Amino acid sequence: MSFGRPPGQLTFNPTPPERGSFPLDHDGECQPVMKDYLTCLKKVRGNNDPECRLLAKAYLKCRMDHNLMAKDSFRNLGFQDKDAKPTEKS
């Protein structure tokens, strides 16, 4: 029995993240975009503002461009395609 541990068998099964690791940006390559995004979130008080979504997309693109995350379609990351426009009713 270990000191400070409750009696009985404790098991812990860690689960890996769904999309793999998300390495830190040690060199600060995407830091300017990240700061702009955080400033935008503060400005809109955490609401899902289109301007902030564009900054989030730019941040993820920067991370993909610098091999800080796996390249993936923005559609898979929750963004719509640039060409997808709402249909207008005549």
N, C-alpha and C. Protein backbone atom coordinates (compact mmCIF):
# COMPACT_ATOMS: atom_id res chain seq x y z
N MET A 1 0.85 -1.18 0.00
CA MET A 1 0.00 0.00 0.00
C MET A 1 0.89 1.23 0.00
N SER A 2 0.54 2.17 -0.80
CA SER A 2 1.31 3.38 -0.96
C SER A 2 0.78 4.46 -0.03
N PHE A 3 1.66 5.30 0.49
CA PHE A 3 1.27 6.38 1.39
C PHE A 3 0.40 7.40 0.66
N GLY A 4 -0.76 7.74 1.22
CA GLY A 4 -1.63 8.75 0.65
C GLY A 4 -2.55 8.25 -0.44
N ARG A 5 -2.45 6.99 -0.75
CA ARG A 5 -3.29 6.42 -1.80
C ARG A 5 -4.41 5.60 -1.17
N PRO A 6 -5.64 5.76 -1.64
CA PRO A 6 -6.71 4.96 -1.08
C PRO A 6 -6.52 3.48 -1.40
N PRO A 7 -6.99 2.61 -0.51
CA PRO A 7 -6.83 1.18 -0.77
C PRO A 7 -7.66 0.74 -1.98
N GLY A 8 -7.23 -0.28 -2.64
CA GLY A 8 -7.94 -0.79 -3.80
C GLY A 8 -7.15 -0.57 -5.07
N GLN A 9 -7.58 -1.21 -6.12
CA GLN A 9 -6.89 -1.11 -7.39
C GLN A 9 -7.41 0.09 -8.18
N LEU A 10 -6.54 1.02 -8.51
CA LEU A 10 -6.90 2.17 -9.32
C LEU A 10 -6.36 1.96 -10.73
N THR A 11 -7.21 2.15 -11.71
CA THR A 11 -6.75 2.04 -13.10
C THR A 11 -7.02 3.35 -13.82
N PHE A 12 -6.10 3.72 -14.65
CA PHE A 12 -6.24 4.93 -15.45
C PHE A 12 -5.84 4.59 -16.86
N ASN A 13 -6.79 4.76 -17.78
CA ASN A 13 -6.53 4.48 -19.19
C ASN A 13 -6.61 5.78 -19.98
N PRO A 14 -5.45 6.41 -20.26
CA PRO A 14 -5.49 7.66 -21.02
C PRO A 14 -5.93 7.39 -22.45
N THR A 15 -6.63 8.37 -23.01
CA THR A 15 -7.05 8.26 -24.41
C THR A 15 -6.35 9.36 -25.22
N PRO A 16 -5.84 9.01 -26.40
CA PRO A 16 -5.17 10.02 -27.22
C PRO A 16 -6.18 11.00 -27.80
N PRO A 17 -5.74 12.22 -28.14
CA PRO A 17 -6.64 13.19 -28.77
C PRO A 17 -7.13 12.67 -30.13
N GLU A 18 -8.30 13.13 -30.55
CA GLU A 18 -8.89 12.66 -31.80
C GLU A 18 -8.01 12.94 -33.01
N ARG A 19 -7.39 14.11 -33.07
CA ARG A 19 -6.63 14.50 -34.25
C ARG A 19 -5.12 14.50 -34.01
N GLY A 20 -4.66 13.78 -33.03
CA GLY A 20 -3.23 13.70 -32.78
C GLY A 20 -2.74 14.84 -31.91
N SER A 21 -1.43 15.01 -31.86
CA SER A 21 -0.85 16.02 -30.99
C SER A 21 -1.00 17.41 -31.59
N PHE A 22 -0.89 18.40 -30.75
CA PHE A 22 -0.99 19.80 -31.16
C PHE A 22 0.23 20.50 -30.58
N PRO A 23 1.39 20.41 -31.28
CA PRO A 23 2.64 20.94 -30.71
C PRO A 23 2.58 22.44 -30.43
N LEU A 24 3.33 22.83 -29.43
CA LEU A 24 3.42 24.25 -29.08
C LEU A 24 4.23 24.99 -30.14
N ASP A 25 3.95 26.26 -30.27
CA ASP A 25 4.63 27.13 -31.23
C ASP A 25 5.83 27.76 -30.52
N HIS A 26 6.88 26.97 -30.31
CA HIS A 26 8.04 27.44 -29.54
C HIS A 26 8.73 28.63 -30.19
N ASP A 27 8.73 28.71 -31.51
CA ASP A 27 9.42 29.79 -32.20
C ASP A 27 8.54 31.02 -32.40
N GLY A 28 7.27 30.93 -32.01
CA GLY A 28 6.37 32.08 -32.10
C GLY A 28 6.01 32.46 -33.52
N GLU A 29 6.05 31.50 -34.44
CA GLU A 29 5.78 31.80 -35.85
C GLU A 29 4.34 32.27 -36.09
N CYS A 30 3.40 31.77 -35.30
CA CYS A 30 1.99 32.12 -35.48
C CYS A 30 1.48 33.02 -34.35
N GLN A 31 2.38 33.52 -33.55
CA GLN A 31 1.98 34.34 -32.40
C GLN A 31 1.25 35.63 -32.77
N PRO A 32 1.66 36.36 -33.81
CA PRO A 32 0.93 37.59 -34.16
C PRO A 32 -0.54 37.33 -34.51
N VAL A 33 -0.80 36.26 -35.28
CA VAL A 33 -2.17 35.93 -35.64
C VAL A 33 -2.95 35.51 -34.40
N MET A 34 -2.30 34.74 -33.53
CA MET A 34 -2.96 34.29 -32.30
C MET A 34 -3.35 35.48 -31.43
N LYS A 35 -2.46 36.47 -31.32
CA LYS A 35 -2.76 37.65 -30.51
C LYS A 35 -3.92 38.45 -31.10
N ASP A 36 -3.94 38.57 -32.43
CA ASP A 36 -5.06 39.26 -33.09
C ASP A 36 -6.37 38.54 -32.80
N TYR A 37 -6.34 37.21 -32.84
CA TYR A 37 -7.54 36.41 -32.58
C TYR A 37 -8.02 36.61 -31.14
N LEU A 38 -7.10 36.56 -30.19
CA LEU A 38 -7.48 36.74 -28.79
C LEU A 38 -8.02 38.15 -28.53
N THR A 39 -7.43 39.15 -29.19
CA THR A 39 -7.93 40.52 -29.07
C THR A 39 -9.34 40.61 -29.62
N CYS A 40 -9.59 39.96 -30.73
CA CYS A 40 -10.92 39.95 -31.33
C CYS A 40 -11.93 39.30 -30.38
N LEU A 41 -11.55 38.19 -29.78
CA LEU A 41 -12.46 37.51 -28.84
C LEU A 41 -12.82 38.40 -27.66
N LYS A 42 -11.82 39.14 -27.16
CA LYS A 42 -12.10 40.06 -26.05
C LYS A 42 -13.05 41.17 -26.49
N LYS A 43 -12.83 41.67 -27.72
CA LYS A 43 -13.64 42.77 -28.23
C LYS A 43 -15.11 42.38 -28.36
N VAL A 44 -15.37 41.17 -28.82
CA VAL A 44 -16.76 40.73 -29.03
C VAL A 44 -17.28 39.91 -27.85
N ARG A 45 -16.51 39.90 -26.77
CA ARG A 45 -16.90 39.20 -25.54
C ARG A 45 -17.20 37.72 -25.76
N GLY A 46 -16.40 37.07 -26.58
CA GLY A 46 -16.49 35.64 -26.78
C GLY A 46 -17.57 35.18 -27.74
N ASN A 47 -18.29 36.10 -28.36
CA ASN A 47 -19.32 35.72 -29.34
C ASN A 47 -18.66 35.19 -30.61
N ASN A 48 -19.41 34.42 -31.36
CA ASN A 48 -18.90 33.82 -32.59
C ASN A 48 -19.00 34.83 -33.73
N ASP A 49 -18.14 35.84 -33.71
CA ASP A 49 -18.15 36.92 -34.69
C ASP A 49 -17.45 36.46 -35.97
N PRO A 50 -17.97 36.83 -37.14
CA PRO A 50 -17.33 36.43 -38.41
C PRO A 50 -15.87 36.90 -38.52
N GLU A 51 -15.58 38.09 -38.01
CA GLU A 51 -14.21 38.60 -38.05
C GLU A 51 -13.27 37.68 -37.26
N CYS A 52 -13.73 37.24 -36.09
CA CYS A 52 -12.91 36.36 -35.26
C CYS A 52 -12.75 34.99 -35.92
N ARG A 53 -13.79 34.53 -36.60
CA ARG A 53 -13.69 33.23 -37.29
C ARG A 53 -12.64 33.30 -38.40
N LEU A 54 -12.56 34.43 -39.10
CA LEU A 54 -11.53 34.59 -40.13
C LEU A 54 -10.14 34.55 -39.52
N LEU A 55 -9.99 35.16 -38.35
CA LEU A 55 -8.69 35.14 -37.67
C LEU A 55 -8.36 33.72 -37.18
N ALA A 56 -9.36 33.00 -36.71
CA ALA A 56 -9.15 31.62 -36.27
C ALA A 56 -8.70 30.77 -37.46
N LYS A 57 -9.32 30.99 -38.60
CA LYS A 57 -8.96 30.26 -39.82
C LYS A 57 -7.52 30.60 -40.23
N ALA A 58 -7.15 31.88 -40.13
CA ALA A 58 -5.78 32.30 -40.46
C ALA A 58 -4.78 31.67 -39.51
N TYR A 59 -5.16 31.57 -38.24
CA TYR A 59 -4.27 30.95 -37.25
C TYR A 59 -4.05 29.47 -37.57
N LEU A 60 -5.12 28.76 -37.87
CA LEU A 60 -4.99 27.34 -38.20
C LEU A 60 -4.19 27.16 -39.49
N LYS A 61 -4.39 28.04 -40.47
CA LYS A 61 -3.60 27.98 -41.71
C LYS A 61 -2.12 28.18 -41.42
N CYS A 62 -1.81 29.15 -40.55
CA CYS A 62 -0.42 29.40 -40.17
C CYS A 62 0.18 28.14 -39.52
N ARG A 63 -0.57 27.51 -38.64
CA ARG A 63 -0.07 26.30 -37.98
C ARG A 63 0.16 25.18 -38.98
N MET A 64 -0.74 25.05 -39.95
CA MET A 64 -0.56 24.01 -40.98
C MET A 64 0.65 24.33 -41.86
N ASP A 65 0.82 25.62 -42.21
CA ASP A 65 1.95 26.03 -43.06
C ASP A 65 3.30 25.82 -42.39
N HIS A 66 3.34 25.87 -41.06
CA HIS A 66 4.60 25.72 -40.33
C HIS A 66 4.73 24.34 -39.68
N ASN A 67 3.94 23.38 -40.15
CA ASN A 67 3.99 21.99 -39.67
C ASN A 67 3.78 21.88 -38.16
N LEU A 68 2.90 22.74 -37.63
CA LEU A 68 2.56 22.66 -36.21
C LEU A 68 1.27 21.87 -36.01
N MET A 69 0.64 21.51 -37.11
CA MET A 69 -0.51 20.62 -37.07
C MET A 69 -0.65 19.99 -38.45
N ALA A 70 -1.33 18.87 -38.51
CA ALA A 70 -1.51 18.17 -39.78
C ALA A 70 -2.38 19.00 -40.72
N LYS A 71 -2.04 18.97 -41.98
CA LYS A 71 -2.85 19.69 -42.97
C LYS A 71 -4.20 18.99 -43.10
N ASP A 72 -5.24 19.81 -43.13
CA ASP A 72 -6.60 19.28 -43.21
C ASP A 72 -7.47 20.29 -43.92
N SER A 73 -8.57 19.85 -44.44
CA SER A 73 -9.52 20.73 -45.10
C SER A 73 -10.19 21.62 -44.04
N PHE A 74 -10.40 22.88 -44.38
CA PHE A 74 -11.07 23.78 -43.43
C PHE A 74 -12.50 23.33 -43.17
N ARG A 75 -13.08 22.65 -44.12
CA ARG A 75 -14.43 22.11 -43.92
C ARG A 75 -14.43 21.11 -42.75
N ASN A 76 -13.37 20.29 -42.67
CA ASN A 76 -13.25 19.33 -41.57
C ASN A 76 -12.99 20.02 -40.23
N LEU A 77 -12.51 21.25 -40.29
CA LEU A 77 -12.21 22.00 -39.07
C LEU A 77 -13.35 22.94 -38.67
N GLY A 78 -14.48 22.84 -39.37
CA GLY A 78 -15.66 23.62 -39.00
C GLY A 78 -15.85 24.91 -39.76
N PHE A 79 -15.12 25.10 -40.84
CA PHE A 79 -15.25 26.30 -41.66
C PHE A 79 -15.91 25.94 -42.98
N GLN A 80 -16.68 26.88 -43.53
CA GLN A 80 -17.30 26.66 -44.83
C GLN A 80 -16.32 27.06 -45.92
N ASP A 81 -16.55 26.52 -47.12
CA ASP A 81 -15.70 26.88 -48.26
C ASP A 81 -15.90 28.35 -48.60
N LYS A 82 -14.88 28.97 -49.17
CA LYS A 82 -14.96 30.38 -49.60
C LYS A 82 -16.05 30.58 -50.63
N ASP A 83 -16.21 29.61 -51.53
CA ASP A 83 -17.17 29.75 -52.62
C ASP A 83 -18.62 29.52 -52.20
N ALA A 84 -18.82 28.93 -51.05
CA ALA A 84 -20.19 28.64 -50.62
C ALA A 84 -20.86 29.92 -50.17
N LYS A 85 -21.86 30.34 -50.94
CA LYS A 85 -22.59 31.57 -50.63
C LYS A 85 -24.04 31.19 -50.37
N PRO A 86 -24.69 31.90 -49.46
CA PRO A 86 -26.10 31.61 -49.25
C PRO A 86 -26.91 31.91 -50.51
N THR A 87 -27.88 31.10 -50.78
CA THR A 87 -28.69 31.30 -51.98
C THR A 87 -29.68 32.41 -51.74
N GLU A 88 -29.87 33.24 -52.77
CA GLU A 88 -30.81 34.36 -52.66
C GLU A 88 -32.14 33.94 -53.25
N LYS A 89 -33.20 34.29 -52.57
CA LYS A 89 -34.54 33.98 -53.08
C LYS A 89 -35.03 35.15 -53.91
N SER A 90 -35.51 34.86 -55.11
CA SER A 90 -35.99 35.92 -56.00
C SER A 90 -37.44 36.23 -55.75
